[in-house]
Protein backbone atom coordinates (compact mmCIF):
# COMPACT_ATOMS: atom_id res chain seq x y z
CA MET A 1 -33.51 43.56 49.78
CA ILE A 2 -36.53 41.09 49.20
CA ASN A 3 -37.00 43.24 45.52
CA ASP A 4 -33.16 42.86 44.81
CA GLY A 5 -34.02 38.74 45.96
CA LEU A 6 -36.31 38.62 43.80
CA ARG A 7 -34.44 40.01 40.81
CA ILE A 8 -31.96 37.70 41.51
CA ALA A 9 -34.02 34.49 41.52
CA LEU A 10 -35.58 35.45 38.23
CA ILE A 11 -32.38 36.03 36.75
CA ALA A 12 -31.10 32.61 38.23
CA ALA A 13 -34.91 31.52 36.48
CA LEU A 14 -33.28 32.03 33.09
CA PRO A 15 -32.25 29.90 30.56
CA ILE A 16 -29.27 31.18 29.40
CA SER A 17 -28.11 33.23 32.77
CA GLU A 18 -29.22 30.60 35.44
CA LEU A 19 -26.86 30.78 38.60
CA ARG A 20 -24.02 31.52 36.94
CA GLY A 21 -24.96 35.23 35.75
CA ALA A 22 -27.26 35.65 39.06
CA ILE A 23 -24.84 35.30 41.65
CA PRO A 24 -21.88 37.73 40.77
CA ILE A 25 -24.43 40.35 39.44
CA ALA A 26 -26.28 39.81 43.27
CA LEU A 27 -22.68 40.42 44.97
CA THR A 28 -21.24 43.21 42.65
CA ILE A 29 -24.39 44.97 41.51
CA TYR A 30 -27.05 44.64 44.20
CA LYS A 31 -24.56 44.43 47.09
CA MET A 32 -26.18 41.44 48.46
CA PRO A 33 -24.79 39.18 51.54
CA VAL A 34 -22.73 36.29 50.24
CA PHE A 35 -25.18 33.85 51.61
CA SER A 36 -28.41 35.84 50.87
CA ALA A 37 -27.23 36.08 47.08
CA TYR A 38 -26.91 31.99 47.32
CA ILE A 39 -30.30 31.24 48.46
CA PHE A 40 -31.99 33.63 46.30
CA ALA A 41 -29.89 32.23 42.98
CA VAL A 42 -30.18 28.63 44.01
CA LEU A 43 -33.88 28.46 44.74
CA GLY A 44 -34.52 30.94 41.79
CA ASN A 45 -32.36 27.97 39.40
CA ILE A 46 -34.67 25.09 40.73
CA VAL A 47 -38.12 26.36 39.90
CA PRO A 48 -37.67 26.10 36.12
CA ALA A 49 -36.27 22.27 37.17
CA ILE A 50 -39.53 21.67 38.31
CA PHE A 51 -41.62 22.90 35.65
CA LEU A 52 -39.30 21.10 32.70
CA LEU A 53 -39.10 17.86 34.59
CA LEU A 54 -42.92 17.66 34.86
CA PHE A 55 -43.98 19.23 31.75
CA LEU A 56 -41.53 18.66 29.20
CA LYS A 57 -42.96 15.18 28.56
CA PRO A 58 -46.53 16.14 28.36
CA PHE A 59 -45.49 19.54 26.31
CA SER A 60 -43.18 16.80 24.03
CA GLU A 61 -46.11 13.99 23.58
CA TYR A 62 -48.70 17.20 22.20
CA LEU A 63 -46.14 18.37 19.35
CA ARG A 64 -45.46 15.02 18.43
CA GLN A 65 -48.80 14.76 17.40
CA TRP A 66 -47.38 17.05 13.84
CA ARG A 67 -45.16 15.34 11.42
CA TYR A 68 -42.62 17.38 11.81
CA PHE A 69 -42.34 17.75 15.56
CA ASP A 70 -42.46 13.68 15.49
CA ILE A 71 -39.26 13.45 13.32
CA PHE A 72 -37.79 16.06 15.27
CA PHE A 73 -38.41 14.34 18.49
CA GLU A 74 -37.23 10.57 17.32
CA TRP A 75 -34.02 12.30 16.23
CA LEU A 76 -33.50 13.97 19.36
CA PHE A 77 -33.83 10.97 21.44
CA LYS A 78 -32.20 8.85 19.36
CA ARG A 79 -28.70 11.36 19.34
CA THR A 80 -28.77 11.63 22.68
CA ARG A 81 -29.23 8.30 24.54
CA ARG A 82 -26.73 7.23 21.67
CA ASN A 83 -23.96 9.95 23.23
CA THR A 84 -25.09 10.05 26.61
CA GLU A 85 -27.14 6.27 27.57
CA GLU A 86 -24.11 4.22 28.10
CA LYS A 87 -22.18 7.21 30.86
CA PHE A 88 -25.95 7.20 32.80
CA GLU A 89 -25.76 3.45 33.00
CA LYS A 90 -22.17 3.60 33.97
CA TYR A 91 -22.18 6.04 36.73
CA GLY A 92 -26.19 7.11 37.18
CA ALA A 93 -27.44 9.74 39.55
CA ILE A 94 -23.61 11.07 39.78
CA PHE A 95 -23.24 12.03 35.82
CA LEU A 96 -26.35 14.08 35.77
CA LEU A 97 -25.34 15.52 39.30
CA PHE A 98 -21.62 16.65 37.64
CA PHE A 99 -23.59 17.25 34.56
CA VAL A 100 -25.56 20.17 36.48
CA ALA A 101 -23.17 21.34 39.10
CA ILE A 102 -20.10 21.98 36.78
CA PRO A 103 -20.42 25.86 36.22
CA LEU A 104 -19.63 25.89 32.06
CA PRO A 105 -22.10 26.95 29.33
CA VAL A 106 -24.45 24.24 28.09
CA THR A 107 -24.54 22.82 32.07
CA GLY A 108 -27.19 23.70 34.29
CA ALA A 109 -30.60 22.90 35.29
CA TRP A 110 -32.18 23.85 32.31
CA THR A 111 -29.90 21.28 30.43
CA GLY A 112 -29.98 18.92 33.45
CA SER A 113 -33.96 19.05 33.42
CA ALA A 114 -33.69 18.54 29.39
CA ALA A 115 -31.68 15.50 29.88
CA ALA A 116 -32.89 13.65 32.58
CA PHE A 117 -36.57 14.20 30.49
CA ILE A 118 -34.66 12.76 27.08
CA LEU A 119 -33.53 10.06 29.06
CA GLY A 120 -36.58 9.10 30.35
CA ILE A 121 -35.27 9.48 34.21
CA ARG A 122 -38.10 10.03 36.52
CA PHE A 123 -39.05 13.15 38.63
CA TRP A 124 -37.83 11.67 41.83
CA TYR A 125 -35.07 10.32 40.87
CA ALA A 126 -33.98 13.26 38.71
CA PHE A 127 -35.31 16.51 40.80
CA PRO A 128 -32.91 15.81 43.86
CA THR A 129 -30.00 14.97 41.69
CA ILE A 130 -30.30 18.42 40.12
CA VAL A 131 -30.76 20.18 43.25
CA GLY A 132 -27.49 18.83 44.45
CA GLY A 133 -25.68 19.98 41.46
CA VAL A 134 -27.56 23.83 41.31
CA MET A 135 -26.33 23.46 45.16
CA ILE A 136 -22.59 22.80 44.83
CA ALA A 137 -22.65 25.06 41.00
CA GLY A 138 -23.79 27.67 43.55
CA VAL A 139 -21.05 26.95 45.80
CA ILE A 140 -18.53 27.38 42.80
CA VAL A 141 -19.65 30.30 41.47
CA THR A 142 -20.22 32.15 45.01
CA LEU A 143 -16.48 31.13 45.47
CA THR A 144 -14.98 32.47 42.34
CA SER A 145 -17.55 35.55 42.58
CA LEU A 146 -15.86 35.97 45.63
CA GLY A 147 -12.35 35.52 44.15
CA ILE A 148 -11.70 32.29 46.54
CA ILE A 149 -11.32 29.62 43.61
CA ASN A 150 -10.11 30.54 39.97
CA PHE A 151 -11.39 28.56 36.54
CA ILE A 152 -8.73 28.82 34.03
């Protein structure tokens, strides 16, 4: 069971699958109990968020010493802030929470952590919000995997 749990946590830690892929795999392939599948997937999905929130800024600052990276990050920051800053200012943490919680492609802990970094949101403000979003997404994905709720 622990080996299967570790596999699910690792799948949930990946940027593409996250827990949207890990929970269905846990329930169908590994036949894990629902609660175990949820816990391993949520914990696995949270771990990368910690590292992303802590290290994206120093990593980008290191890369910005080269001209092309500096141009890229300047473009990225301006574009992202222009498109999302108003929503974040209006809705605050709820915006980030729902952004992470909605289990659609290009949403989740990885993208939420990147958005928090780009918007300059402090770790202790962003982290609990992302954790809450991951937990909500985990419930939605679990209920969908069990056939209790259906997304069109």
